[in-house]
N, C-alpha and C. Protein backbone atom coordinates (compact mmCIF):
# COMPACT_ATOMS: atom_id res chain seq x y z
N MET A 1 98.20 88.06 112.25
CA MET A 1 97.55 87.23 111.28
C MET A 1 97.62 85.79 111.77
N LYS A 2 96.60 85.05 111.48
CA LYS A 2 96.58 83.65 111.89
C LYS A 2 97.19 82.74 110.84
N ASN A 3 97.12 83.15 109.58
CA ASN A 3 97.61 82.32 108.48
C ASN A 3 98.71 83.03 107.70
N VAL A 4 99.52 82.23 107.05
CA VAL A 4 100.54 82.77 106.16
C VAL A 4 99.81 83.41 104.97
N PRO A 5 100.23 84.60 104.52
CA PRO A 5 99.53 85.25 103.40
C PRO A 5 99.50 84.37 102.15
N ALA A 6 98.45 84.55 101.36
CA ALA A 6 98.28 83.79 100.12
C ALA A 6 99.50 84.00 99.23
N GLY A 7 99.91 82.93 98.57
CA GLY A 7 101.05 82.99 97.67
C GLY A 7 102.37 82.60 98.30
N TYR A 8 102.36 82.36 99.60
CA TYR A 8 103.58 81.96 100.31
C TYR A 8 103.41 80.55 100.85
N ASP A 9 104.47 79.78 100.80
CA ASP A 9 104.46 78.40 101.27
C ASP A 9 104.30 78.36 102.79
N LYS A 10 103.19 77.80 103.26
CA LYS A 10 102.93 77.75 104.70
C LYS A 10 103.91 76.85 105.45
N ASP A 11 104.62 75.98 104.73
CA ASP A 11 105.57 75.07 105.36
C ASP A 11 107.01 75.59 105.34
N HIS A 12 107.21 76.80 104.81
CA HIS A 12 108.55 77.37 104.76
C HIS A 12 109.03 77.64 106.19
N PRO A 13 110.31 77.42 106.49
CA PRO A 13 110.81 77.60 107.87
C PRO A 13 110.58 79.02 108.43
N GLN A 14 110.53 80.04 107.58
CA GLN A 14 110.33 81.41 108.06
C GLN A 14 108.90 81.90 107.82
N ALA A 15 107.99 81.02 107.49
CA ALA A 15 106.61 81.42 107.20
C ALA A 15 105.96 82.15 108.37
N GLU A 16 106.31 81.80 109.59
CA GLU A 16 105.73 82.45 110.77
C GLU A 16 105.97 83.96 110.76
N TYR A 17 107.14 84.37 110.24
CA TYR A 17 107.47 85.80 110.23
C TYR A 17 106.55 86.59 109.31
N LEU A 18 105.98 85.95 108.30
CA LEU A 18 105.08 86.64 107.39
C LEU A 18 103.74 86.97 108.04
N LYS A 19 103.47 86.38 109.18
CA LYS A 19 102.22 86.66 109.89
C LYS A 19 102.29 87.96 110.69
N TYR A 20 103.49 88.44 110.95
CA TYR A 20 103.65 89.65 111.76
C TYR A 20 103.14 90.87 111.00
N LYS A 21 102.49 91.78 111.71
CA LYS A 21 101.97 92.99 111.11
C LYS A 21 102.93 94.16 111.24
N SER A 22 103.90 94.06 112.11
CA SER A 22 104.86 95.15 112.27
C SER A 22 106.20 94.58 112.73
N TRP A 23 107.22 95.38 112.49
CA TRP A 23 108.59 95.02 112.87
C TRP A 23 109.24 96.24 113.52
N TYR A 24 110.14 96.00 114.42
CA TYR A 24 110.91 97.10 114.99
C TYR A 24 112.24 96.55 115.50
N LEU A 25 113.17 97.46 115.67
CA LEU A 25 114.48 97.11 116.23
C LEU A 25 114.63 97.88 117.52
N GLU A 26 115.29 97.29 118.48
CA GLU A 26 115.55 98.00 119.72
C GLU A 26 116.94 97.65 120.22
N TYR A 27 117.49 98.55 121.00
CA TYR A 27 118.81 98.37 121.57
C TYR A 27 118.77 98.95 122.97
N PHE A 28 119.03 98.15 123.96
CA PHE A 28 118.97 98.61 125.34
C PHE A 28 120.27 99.31 125.72
N MET A 29 120.12 100.43 126.41
CA MET A 29 121.27 101.20 126.89
C MET A 29 121.11 101.46 128.38
N THR A 30 122.23 101.54 129.06
CA THR A 30 122.20 101.83 130.49
C THR A 30 121.97 103.32 130.72
N ASP A 31 121.61 103.67 131.94
CA ASP A 31 121.44 105.08 132.29
C ASP A 31 122.74 105.85 132.08
N ASP A 32 123.87 105.22 132.40
CA ASP A 32 125.17 105.88 132.22
C ASP A 32 125.44 106.16 130.74
N GLU A 33 125.09 105.22 129.86
CA GLU A 33 125.30 105.43 128.43
C GLU A 33 124.43 106.58 127.91
N VAL A 34 123.21 106.66 128.40
CA VAL A 34 122.31 107.72 127.96
C VAL A 34 122.72 109.07 128.57
N GLY A 35 123.26 109.04 129.76
CA GLY A 35 123.64 110.26 130.46
C GLY A 35 124.84 110.97 129.90
N ASN A 36 125.69 110.26 129.19
CA ASN A 36 126.87 110.86 128.58
C ASN A 36 126.50 111.30 127.17
N THR A 37 126.20 112.58 127.01
CA THR A 37 125.66 113.10 125.75
C THR A 37 126.53 112.76 124.55
N THR A 38 127.81 112.99 124.64
CA THR A 38 128.70 112.74 123.50
C THR A 38 128.74 111.26 123.15
N ALA A 39 128.89 110.42 124.14
CA ALA A 39 128.93 108.97 123.89
C ALA A 39 127.58 108.48 123.36
N PHE A 40 126.48 109.05 123.89
CA PHE A 40 125.16 108.64 123.43
C PHE A 40 124.96 108.97 121.95
N ILE A 41 125.33 110.17 121.55
CA ILE A 41 125.17 110.56 120.15
C ILE A 41 126.01 109.67 119.24
N GLU A 42 127.23 109.40 119.63
CA GLU A 42 128.09 108.52 118.83
C GLU A 42 127.48 107.13 118.70
N LYS A 43 126.97 106.59 119.80
CA LYS A 43 126.36 105.26 119.78
C LYS A 43 125.08 105.27 118.95
N ALA A 44 124.27 106.32 119.08
CA ALA A 44 123.03 106.41 118.31
C ALA A 44 123.33 106.44 116.81
N VAL A 45 124.31 107.21 116.40
CA VAL A 45 124.68 107.27 114.98
C VAL A 45 125.14 105.90 114.50
N GLU A 46 125.96 105.23 115.28
CA GLU A 46 126.43 103.89 114.92
C GLU A 46 125.25 102.92 114.76
N LEU A 47 124.32 102.95 115.70
CA LEU A 47 123.18 102.03 115.65
C LEU A 47 122.25 102.34 114.48
N PHE A 48 122.02 103.62 114.20
CA PHE A 48 121.16 103.98 113.07
C PHE A 48 121.78 103.53 111.75
N ARG A 49 123.10 103.62 111.65
CA ARG A 49 123.77 103.14 110.43
C ARG A 49 123.62 101.62 110.28
N ILE A 50 123.67 100.91 111.37
CA ILE A 50 123.50 99.46 111.34
C ILE A 50 122.06 99.10 110.96
N MET A 51 121.09 99.86 111.48
CA MET A 51 119.68 99.57 111.25
C MET A 51 119.19 99.98 109.86
N LYS A 52 119.86 100.92 109.21
CA LYS A 52 119.37 101.47 107.95
C LYS A 52 119.10 100.42 106.88
N PRO A 53 119.98 99.46 106.62
CA PRO A 53 119.67 98.47 105.59
C PRO A 53 118.38 97.69 105.88
N PHE A 54 118.13 97.37 107.14
CA PHE A 54 116.89 96.68 107.51
C PHE A 54 115.69 97.56 107.23
N ASN A 55 115.78 98.83 107.63
CA ASN A 55 114.69 99.77 107.39
C ASN A 55 114.45 99.97 105.89
N ASP A 56 115.52 100.08 105.11
CA ASP A 56 115.39 100.23 103.66
C ASP A 56 114.69 99.01 103.06
N TYR A 57 115.05 97.84 103.53
CA TYR A 57 114.44 96.60 103.04
C TYR A 57 112.93 96.60 103.30
N LEU A 58 112.54 96.97 104.50
CA LEU A 58 111.11 97.01 104.83
C LEU A 58 110.38 98.07 104.02
N ASN A 59 111.03 99.20 103.79
CA ASN A 59 110.38 100.28 103.05
C ASN A 59 110.19 99.96 101.57
N LYS A 60 110.95 99.00 101.04
CA LYS A 60 110.75 98.60 99.64
C LYS A 60 109.31 98.14 99.40
N ALA A 61 108.73 97.49 100.39
CA ALA A 61 107.37 97.00 100.26
C ALA A 61 106.37 98.14 100.13
N LEU A 62 106.73 99.32 100.59
CA LEU A 62 105.83 100.46 100.57
C LEU A 62 106.13 101.44 99.43
N LYS A 63 107.05 101.09 98.57
CA LYS A 63 107.52 102.00 97.52
C LYS A 63 106.37 102.63 96.74
N ASP A 64 105.45 101.86 96.26
CA ASP A 64 104.35 102.37 95.44
C ASP A 64 103.03 102.48 96.20
N PHE A 65 103.09 102.35 97.50
CA PHE A 65 101.88 102.40 98.31
C PHE A 65 101.31 103.82 98.35
N LYS A 66 100.02 103.92 98.19
CA LYS A 66 99.31 105.19 98.32
C LYS A 66 98.20 105.02 99.35
N MET A 67 98.13 105.94 100.29
CA MET A 67 97.05 105.89 101.28
C MET A 67 95.72 106.10 100.57
N PRO A 68 94.69 105.36 100.92
CA PRO A 68 93.38 105.57 100.30
C PRO A 68 92.85 106.97 100.64
N THR A 69 92.20 107.58 99.68
CA THR A 69 91.60 108.88 99.94
C THR A 69 90.22 108.70 100.53
N ARG A 70 89.82 109.63 101.34
CA ARG A 70 88.50 109.54 101.97
C ARG A 70 87.54 110.49 101.32
């Protein structure tokens, strides 16, 4: 988006973030970390637990969203 959505202060310090159309989280892992199955699963569970509150927050916006029917 080129502009801050209507209803939001365009001069707010975080207004730029409202222009984004998508969000994602990433975590880089080494080949050794991925190659150790047990350690990888433990790390993945830890990271998913950390990411869950962020994902829940984003999903609140979609709570009542319905896909248009064709």
